[in-house]
Amino acid sequence: MNILIVDDDREIVDSIAIFLSGENYGVLKCYNGIDALAALSENEVHLIILDIMMPKLDGIKTLIKLRESRNIPVILLSAKSEDADKILGLTAGADDYVTKPFNPSELVARVKSQLRRYTTLGGIGKQNGVITISGLSVNTENKTVKVDGEDVRLTPIEYRILELLARNRSRVFSADEIYRNVWNEENVVGDNTIAVHIRHIREKIEINPKEPKYLKVVWGIGYKVD
């Protein structure tokens, strides 16, 4: 599998590349967002490690442009650790967020986790067929979503959250339960991360996100699809 590393700090790019190459991943290197988008159009890429602060085109703008056509996993890198920056990245479509300085072994573990979920999307279940809830259709075989017959483009994380809730129609999941089921680990990022993803899904599947037809909040408890 090929991983694109994008950071204007060449030492960081080279360091990450060494660790990923040691795990037998193919590595592509870019140092700004414009070159990264060009590399994506010319190469098969399965995951992107993307720095936020870069010249020419920063990571957030690059991610937004990327999400217009690609759903591959994106791990953001940033020297900033404030929740607002994490939420901004997740809202733009990131699947994970790592703050500099980071442990290279942890980054490699996160890469493996995202690739495993992206290639199999099996963490939620293996049920075949299509889940239909009124005009919402979740195809669990080809991992696509339609609303009233129109394709809806979700990121891998957004899809897994929606599939989890759709498979368990009317069951209320707390933020911690969603995190454990989708990320397969204890919630270490806080409820805001889940809320951001839920809001983003709503914006894509609901005609009026403020009056949702499918993805609903049960105040003080969690979320459900109904």
C-alpha atoms as a PDB file:
ATOM      1  CA  MET A   1       0.000   0.000   0.000  1.00  0.00           C
ATOM      2  CA  ASN A   2       1.139   3.550  -0.747  1.00  0.00           C
ATOM      3  CA  ILE A   3       1.175   6.347   1.797  1.00  0.00           C
ATOM      4  CA  LEU A   4       1.567  10.008   0.884  1.00  0.00           C
ATOM      5  CA  ILE A   5       3.437  12.109   3.453  1.00  0.00           C
ATOM      6  CA  VAL A   6       2.880  15.862   3.143  1.00  0.00           C
ATOM      7  CA  ASP A   7       4.836  18.285   5.340  1.00  0.00           C
ATOM      8  CA  ASP A   8       7.012  21.299   4.597  1.00  0.00           C
ATOM      9  CA  ASP A   9       9.556  20.032   7.150  1.00  0.00           C
ATOM     10  CA  ARG A  10      11.689  17.647   5.090  1.00  0.00           C
ATOM     11  CA  GLU A  11      13.286  16.094   8.165  1.00  0.00           C
ATOM     12  CA  ILE A  12       9.877  15.089   9.489  1.00  0.00           C
ATOM     13  CA  VAL A  13       8.901  13.663   6.096  1.00  0.00           C
ATOM     14  CA  ASP A  14      12.115  11.655   5.880  1.00  0.00           C
ATOM     15  CA  SER A  15      11.745  10.406   9.454  1.00  0.00           C
ATOM     16  CA  ILE A  16       8.174   9.209   8.907  1.00  0.00           C
ATOM     17  CA  ALA A  17       9.184   7.639   5.601  1.00  0.00           C
ATOM     18  CA  ILE A  18      11.880   5.566   7.308  1.00  0.00           C
ATOM     19  CA  PHE A  19       9.426   4.097   9.787  1.00  0.00           C
ATOM     20  CA  LEU A  20       6.758   3.408   7.162  1.00  0.00           C
ATOM     21  CA  SER A  21       9.234   1.870   4.741  1.00  0.00           C
ATOM     22  CA  GLY A  22      10.319  -0.407   7.571  1.00  0.00           C
ATOM     23  CA  GLU A  23       6.739  -1.684   7.642  1.00  0.00           C
ATOM     24  CA  ASN A  24       6.906  -2.352   3.886  1.00  0.00           C
ATOM     25  CA  TYR A  25       4.638   0.515   2.883  1.00  0.00           C
ATOM     26  CA  GLY A  26       5.276   2.407  -0.318  1.00  0.00           C
ATOM     27  CA  VAL A  27       6.017   6.058   0.440  1.00  0.00           C
ATOM     28  CA  LEU A  28       5.421   9.223  -1.573  1.00  0.00           C
ATOM     29  CA  LYS A  29       6.737  12.582  -0.360  1.00  0.00           C
ATOM     30  CA  CYS A  30       5.400  16.086  -0.891  1.00  0.00           C
ATOM     31  CA  TYR A  31       6.156  19.377   0.836  1.00  0.00           C
ATOM     32  CA  ASN A  32       3.034  21.460   0.144  1.00  0.00           C
ATOM     33  CA  GLY A  33      -0.634  20.962  -0.612  1.00  0.00           C
ATOM     34  CA  ILE A  34      -0.465  21.809  -4.307  1.00  0.00           C
ATOM     35  CA  ASP A  35       2.154  19.144  -4.991  1.00  0.00           C
ATOM     36  CA  ALA A  36       0.188  16.686  -2.845  1.00  0.00           C
ATOM     37  CA  LEU A  37      -2.958  17.071  -4.935  1.00  0.00           C
ATOM     38  CA  ALA A  38      -0.888  16.614  -8.096  1.00  0.00           C
ATOM     39  CA  ALA A  39       0.676  13.439  -6.656  1.00  0.00           C
ATOM     40  CA  LEU A  40      -2.775  12.076  -5.855  1.00  0.00           C
ATOM     41  CA  SER A  41      -3.853  12.501  -9.458  1.00  0.00           C
ATOM     42  CA  GLU A  42      -0.816  10.611 -10.723  1.00  0.00           C
ATOM     43  CA  ASN A  43      -0.420   7.818  -8.161  1.00  0.00           C
ATOM     44  CA  GLU A  44      -2.460   5.225  -6.328  1.00  0.00           C
ATOM     45  CA  VAL A  45      -2.539   6.386  -2.705  1.00  0.00           C
ATOM     46  CA  HIS A  46      -4.204   4.516   0.156  1.00  0.00           C
ATOM     47  CA  LEU A  47      -3.607   6.953   3.047  1.00  0.00           C
ATOM     48  CA  ILE A  48      -2.323  10.493   3.535  1.00  0.00           C
ATOM     49  CA  ILE A  49      -0.371  11.930   6.449  1.00  0.00           C
ATOM     50  CA  LEU A  50      -0.998  15.664   6.096  1.00  0.00           C
ATOM     51  CA  ASP A  51       0.530  18.577   7.979  1.00  0.00           C
ATOM     52  CA  ILE A  52      -1.772  21.533   8.642  1.00  0.00           C
ATOM     53  CA  MET A  53       0.691  24.450   8.518  1.00  0.00           C
ATOM     54  CA  MET A  54       2.255  24.505   5.038  1.00  0.00           C
ATOM     55  CA  PRO A  55       3.082  27.094   2.367  1.00  0.00           C
ATOM     56  CA  LYS A  56       1.165  27.561  -0.902  1.00  0.00           C
ATOM     57  CA  LEU A  57      -1.836  25.489   0.224  1.00  0.00           C
ATOM     58  CA  ASP A  58      -2.292  24.547   3.870  1.00  0.00           C
ATOM     59  CA  GLY A  59      -3.441  21.173   5.123  1.00  0.00           C
ATOM     60  CA  ILE A  60      -7.050  22.119   5.818  1.00  0.00           C
ATOM     61  CA  LYS A  61      -7.581  23.602   2.349  1.00  0.00           C
ATOM     62  CA  THR A  62      -5.818  20.611   0.810  1.00  0.00           C
ATOM     63  CA  LEU A  63      -8.077  18.251   2.760  1.00  0.00           C
ATOM     64  CA  ILE A  64     -11.236  20.087   1.700  1.00  0.00           C
ATOM     65  CA  LYS A  65     -10.150  19.900  -1.942  1.00  0.00           C
ATOM     66  CA  LEU A  66      -9.252  16.236  -1.551  1.00  0.00           C
ATOM     67  CA  ARG A  67     -12.644  15.354  -0.086  1.00  0.00           C
ATOM     68  CA  GLU A  68     -14.354  16.592  -3.235  1.00  0.00           C
ATOM     69  CA  SER A  69     -13.286  13.394  -4.967  1.00  0.00           C
ATOM     70  CA  ARG A  70     -11.493  11.027  -2.573  1.00  0.00           C
ATOM     71  CA  ASN A  71     -12.508   9.161   0.590  1.00  0.00           C
ATOM     72  CA  ILE A  72      -9.116   7.713   1.503  1.00  0.00           C
ATOM     73  CA  PRO A  73      -8.066   8.040   5.168  1.00  0.00           C
ATOM     74  CA  VAL A  74      -6.268  11.215   6.209  1.00  0.00           C
ATOM     75  CA  ILE A  75      -4.216  11.643   9.377  1.00  0.00           C
ATOM     76  CA  LEU A  76      -3.532  15.290  10.166  1.00  0.00           C
ATOM     77  CA  LEU A  77      -0.290  16.483  11.763  1.00  0.00           C
ATOM     78  CA  SER A  78      -0.071  19.735  13.676  1.00  0.00           C
ATOM     79  CA  ALA A  79       2.004  21.441  16.327  1.00  0.00           C
ATOM     80  CA  LYS A  80      -1.240  22.762  17.751  1.00  0.00           C
ATOM     81  CA  SER A  81      -3.076  20.703  20.343  1.00  0.00           C
ATOM     82  CA  GLU A  82      -6.072  22.938  21.051  1.00  0.00           C
ATOM     83  CA  ASP A  83      -9.481  21.306  20.709  1.00  0.00           C
ATOM     84  CA  ALA A  84     -10.575  23.975  18.222  1.00  0.00           C
ATOM     85  CA  ASP A  85      -7.843  22.942  15.796  1.00  0.00           C
ATOM     86  CA  LYS A  86      -8.723  19.273  16.166  1.00  0.00           C
ATOM     87  CA  ILE A  87     -12.393  20.010  15.552  1.00  0.00           C
ATOM     88  CA  LEU A  88     -11.540  22.121  12.496  1.00  0.00           C
ATOM     89  CA  GLY A  89      -9.544  19.241  11.034  1.00  0.00           C
ATOM     90  CA  LEU A  90     -12.189  16.644  11.768  1.00  0.00           C
ATOM     91  CA  THR A  91     -14.906  18.866  10.356  1.00  0.00           C
ATOM     92  CA  ALA A  92     -12.909  19.228   7.148  1.00  0.00           C
ATOM     93  CA  GLY A  93     -12.916  15.445   6.797  1.00  0.00           C
ATOM     94  CA  ALA A  94      -9.860  14.121   8.650  1.00  0.00           C
ATOM     95  CA  ASP A  95     -10.023  10.612  10.086  1.00  0.00           C
ATOM     96  CA  ASP A  96      -7.405  11.073  12.788  1.00  0.00           C
ATOM     97  CA  TYR A  97      -5.251  13.781  14.329  1.00  0.00           C
ATOM     98  CA  VAL A  98      -1.696  13.584  15.710  1.00  0.00           C
ATOM     99  CA  THR A  99      -0.016  16.425  17.574  1.00  0.00           C
ATOM    100  CA  LYS A 100       3.681  17.177  17.137  1.00  0.00           C
ATOM    101  CA  PRO A 101       6.003  16.067  18.587  1.00  0.00           C
ATOM    102  CA  PHE A 102       4.715  12.514  18.249  1.00  0.00           C
ATOM    103  CA  ASN A 103       5.971   9.020  18.873  1.00  0.00           C
ATOM    104  CA  PRO A 104       6.739   7.481  15.446  1.00  0.00           C
ATOM    105  CA  SER A 105       5.590   4.059  16.676  1.00  0.00           C
ATOM    106  CA  GLU A 106       2.225   5.531  17.647  1.00  0.00           C
ATOM    107  CA  LEU A 107       1.880   7.160  14.237  1.00  0.00           C
ATOM    108  CA  VAL A 108       2.644   3.856  12.510  1.00  0.00           C
ATOM    109  CA  ALA A 109       0.036   2.152  14.706  1.00  0.00           C
ATOM    110  CA  ARG A 110      -2.547   4.748  13.718  1.00  0.00           C
ATOM    111  CA  VAL A 111      -1.642   4.283  10.055  1.00  0.00           C
ATOM    112  CA  LYS A 112      -2.143   0.527  10.339  1.00  0.00           C
ATOM    113  CA  SER A 113      -5.451   1.018  12.115  1.00  0.00           C
ATOM    114  CA  GLN A 114      -6.805   3.423   9.492  1.00  0.00           C
ATOM    115  CA  LEU A 115      -5.667   1.219   6.603  1.00  0.00           C
ATOM    116  CA  ARG A 116      -7.208  -1.844   8.183  1.00  0.00           C
ATOM    117  CA  ARG A 117     -10.552  -0.104   8.551  1.00  0.00           C
ATOM    118  CA  TYR A 118     -10.386   1.458   5.108  1.00  0.00           C
ATOM    119  CA  THR A 119      -9.611  -1.786   3.287  1.00  0.00           C
ATOM    120  CA  THR A 120     -12.007  -4.012   5.193  1.00  0.00           C
ATOM    121  CA  LEU A 121     -14.474  -1.655   6.890  1.00  0.00           C
ATOM    122  CA  GLY A 122     -15.222  -4.717   8.954  1.00  0.00           C
ATOM    123  CA  GLY A 123     -15.117  -3.352  12.454  1.00  0.00           C
ATOM    124  CA  ILE A 124     -18.874  -2.981  12.644  1.00  0.00           C
ATOM    125  CA  GLY A 125     -20.074  -6.226  11.172  1.00  0.00           C
ATOM    126  CA  LYS A 126     -20.274  -8.386   8.081  1.00  0.00           C
ATOM    127  CA  GLN A 127     -23.948  -8.361   7.350  1.00  0.00           C
ATOM    128  CA  ASN A 128     -24.622  -8.487   3.620  1.00  0.00           C
ATOM    129  CA  GLY A 129     -27.126  -6.448   1.703  1.00  0.00           C
ATOM    130  CA  VAL A 130     -28.636  -3.028   2.005  1.00  0.00           C
ATOM    131  CA  ILE A 131     -30.027  -1.341   5.094  1.00  0.00           C
ATOM    132  CA  THR A 132     -33.008   0.774   4.107  1.00  0.00           C
ATOM    133  CA  ILE A 133     -34.599   3.273   6.471  1.00  0.00           C
ATOM    134  CA  SER A 134     -37.208   5.270   4.611  1.00  0.00           C
ATOM    135  CA  GLY A 135     -35.223   7.179   1.952  1.00  0.00           C
ATOM    136  CA  LEU A 136     -31.850   6.355   3.502  1.00  0.00           C
ATOM    137  CA  SER A 137     -29.988   3.409   1.966  1.00  0.00           C
ATOM    138  CA  VAL A 138     -26.732   1.999   3.384  1.00  0.00           C
ATOM    139  CA  ASN A 139     -25.104  -0.654   1.201  1.00  0.00           C
ATOM    140  CA  THR A 140     -22.923  -2.728   3.538  1.00  0.00           C
ATOM    141  CA  GLU A 141     -21.237  -4.593   0.693  1.00  0.00           C
ATOM    142  CA  ASN A 142     -19.876  -1.742  -1.406  1.00  0.00           C
ATOM    143  CA  LYS A 143     -19.950   0.761   1.495  1.00  0.00           C
ATOM    144  CA  THR A 144     -22.066   3.376  -0.241  1.00  0.00           C
ATOM    145  CA  VAL A 145     -24.890   5.579   0.981  1.00  0.00           C
ATOM    146  CA  LYS A 146     -27.846   7.008  -0.867  1.00  0.00           C
ATOM    147  CA  VAL A 147     -30.588   9.392   0.214  1.00  0.00           C
ATOM    148  CA  ASP A 148     -33.684   9.409  -1.954  1.00  0.00           C
ATOM    149  CA  GLY A 149     -31.664   7.678  -4.663  1.00  0.00           C
ATOM    150  CA  GLU A 150     -28.865  10.258  -4.667  1.00  0.00           C
ATOM    151  CA  ASP A 151     -25.308   9.250  -3.794  1.00  0.00           C
ATOM    152  CA  VAL A 152     -23.919  10.694  -0.576  1.00  0.00           C
ATOM    153  CA  ARG A 153     -20.152  10.964  -0.208  1.00  0.00           C
ATOM    154  CA  LEU A 154     -18.991  10.159   3.321  1.00  0.00           C
ATOM    155  CA  THR A 155     -15.492   9.836   4.718  1.00  0.00           C
ATOM    156  CA  PRO A 156     -14.548   6.351   5.989  1.00  0.00           C
ATOM    157  CA  ILE A 157     -15.122   7.358   9.618  1.00  0.00           C
ATOM    158  CA  GLU A 158     -18.470   8.974   8.809  1.00  0.00           C
ATOM    159  CA  TYR A 159     -19.550   5.863   6.940  1.00  0.00           C
ATOM    160  CA  ARG A 160     -18.635   3.560   9.811  1.00  0.00           C
ATOM    161  CA  ILE A 161     -20.544   5.685  12.321  1.00  0.00           C
ATOM    162  CA  LEU A 162     -23.620   5.753  10.098  1.00  0.00           C
ATOM    163  CA  GLU A 163     -23.453   2.016   9.402  1.00  0.00           C
ATOM    164  CA  LEU A 164     -23.139   1.257  13.119  1.00  0.00           C
ATOM    165  CA  LEU A 165     -26.246   3.293  13.910  1.00  0.00           C
ATOM    166  CA  ALA A 166     -28.189   2.008  10.895  1.00  0.00           C
ATOM    167  CA  ARG A 167     -27.437  -1.630  11.742  1.00  0.00           C
ATOM    168  CA  ASN A 168     -28.827  -0.983  15.210  1.00  0.00           C
ATOM    169  CA  ARG A 169     -31.859   1.055  14.250  1.00  0.00           C
ATOM    170  CA  SER A 170     -33.516   2.884  17.159  1.00  0.00           C
ATOM    171  CA  ARG A 171     -30.775   1.881  19.611  1.00  0.00           C
ATOM    172  CA  VAL A 172     -29.174   4.868  21.307  1.00  0.00           C
ATOM    173  CA  PHE A 173     -25.366   4.882  21.369  1.00  0.00           C
ATOM    174  CA  SER A 174     -23.412   7.158  23.685  1.00  0.00           C
ATOM    175  CA  ALA A 175     -20.372   8.971  22.307  1.00  0.00           C
ATOM    176  CA  ASP A 176     -18.121   6.521  24.157  1.00  0.00           C
ATOM    177  CA  GLU A 177     -19.963   3.525  22.682  1.00  0.00           C
ATOM    178  CA  ILE A 178     -19.648   4.932  19.164  1.00  0.00           C
ATOM    179  CA  TYR A 179     -15.942   5.508  19.677  1.00  0.00           C
ATOM    180  CA  ARG A 180     -15.343   1.992  21.038  1.00  0.00           C
ATOM    181  CA  ASN A 181     -17.259   0.386  18.171  1.00  0.00           C
ATOM    182  CA  VAL A 182     -15.814   2.460  15.334  1.00  0.00           C
ATOM    183  CA  TRP A 183     -12.265   3.076  16.542  1.00  0.00           C
ATOM    184  CA  ASN A 184     -12.037  -0.198  18.526  1.00  0.00           C
ATOM    185  CA  GLU A 185     -10.438   1.537  21.485  1.00  0.00           C
ATOM    186  CA  GLU A 186     -11.368   3.584  24.521  1.00  0.00           C
ATOM    187  CA  ASN A 187     -12.461   7.148  23.883  1.00  0.00           C
ATOM    188  CA  VAL A 188      -9.382   9.342  24.293  1.00  0.00           C
ATOM    189  CA  VAL A 189     -10.497  12.320  22.227  1.00  0.00           C
ATOM    190  CA  GLY A 190     -13.626  13.470  24.046  1.00  0.00           C
ATOM    191  CA  ASP A 191     -17.275  13.686  23.068  1.00  0.00           C
ATOM    192  CA  ASN A 192     -16.679  16.723  20.843  1.00  0.00           C
ATOM    193  CA  THR A 193     -14.974  14.544  18.234  1.00  0.00           C
ATOM    194  CA  ILE A 194     -18.059  12.343  17.898  1.00  0.00           C
ATOM    195  CA  ALA A 195     -20.334  15.390  17.839  1.00  0.00           C
ATOM    196  CA  VAL A 196     -18.338  16.870  14.956  1.00  0.00           C
ATOM    197  CA  HIS A 197     -18.646  13.680  12.910  1.00  0.00           C
ATOM    198  CA  ILE A 198     -22.373  13.411  13.688  1.00  0.00           C
ATOM    199  CA  ARG A 199     -22.933  17.003  12.577  1.00  0.00           C
ATOM    200  CA  HIS A 200     -20.990  16.385   9.390  1.00  0.00           C
ATOM    201  CA  ILE A 201     -23.022  13.262   8.582  1.00  0.00           C
ATOM    202  CA  ARG A 202     -26.240  15.166   9.191  1.00  0.00           C
ATOM    203  CA  GLU A 203     -25.187  17.915   6.821  1.00  0.00           C
ATOM    204  CA  LYS A 204     -24.795  15.283   4.113  1.00  0.00           C
ATOM    205  CA  ILE A 205     -27.845  13.052   4.644  1.00  0.00           C
ATOM    206  CA  GLU A 206     -30.477  15.410   6.015  1.00  0.00           C
ATOM    207  CA  ILE A 207     -32.533  17.880   4.013  1.00  0.00           C
ATOM    208  CA  ASN A 208     -32.689  20.080   7.108  1.00  0.00           C
ATOM    209  CA  PRO A 209     -29.911  19.148   9.569  1.00  0.00           C
ATOM    210  CA  LYS A 210     -31.607  21.197  12.292  1.00  0.00           C
ATOM    211  CA  GLU A 211     -34.703  19.002  12.001  1.00  0.00           C
ATOM    212  CA  PRO A 212     -33.166  15.601  11.216  1.00  0.00           C
ATOM    213  CA  LYS A 213     -35.235  12.823   9.743  1.00  0.00           C
ATOM    214  CA  TYR A 214     -32.707  10.019  10.233  1.00  0.00           C
ATOM    215  CA  LEU A 215     -29.831  10.816  12.568  1.00  0.00           C
ATOM    216  CA  LYS A 216     -31.168  12.040  15.880  1.00  0.00           C
ATOM    217  CA  VAL A 217     -29.789  13.192  19.221  1.00  0.00           C
ATOM    218  CA  VAL A 218     -31.217  11.814  22.438  1.00  0.00           C
ATOM    219  CA  TRP A 219     -30.185  14.621  24.740  1.00  0.00           C
ATOM    220  CA  GLY A 220     -27.932  13.605  27.582  1.00  0.00           C
ATOM    221  CA  ILE A 221     -27.648  10.036  26.286  1.00  0.00           C
ATOM    222  CA  GLY A 222     -26.359   9.801  22.729  1.00  0.00           C
ATOM    223  CA  TYR A 223     -27.328   9.263  19.087  1.00  0.00           C
ATOM    224  CA  LYS A 224     -29.521   6.968  17.019  1.00  0.00           C
ATOM    225  CA  VAL A 225     -30.792   6.373  13.502  1.00  0.00           C
ATOM    226  CA  ASP A 226     -34.539   6.012  13.252  1.00  0.00           C
END
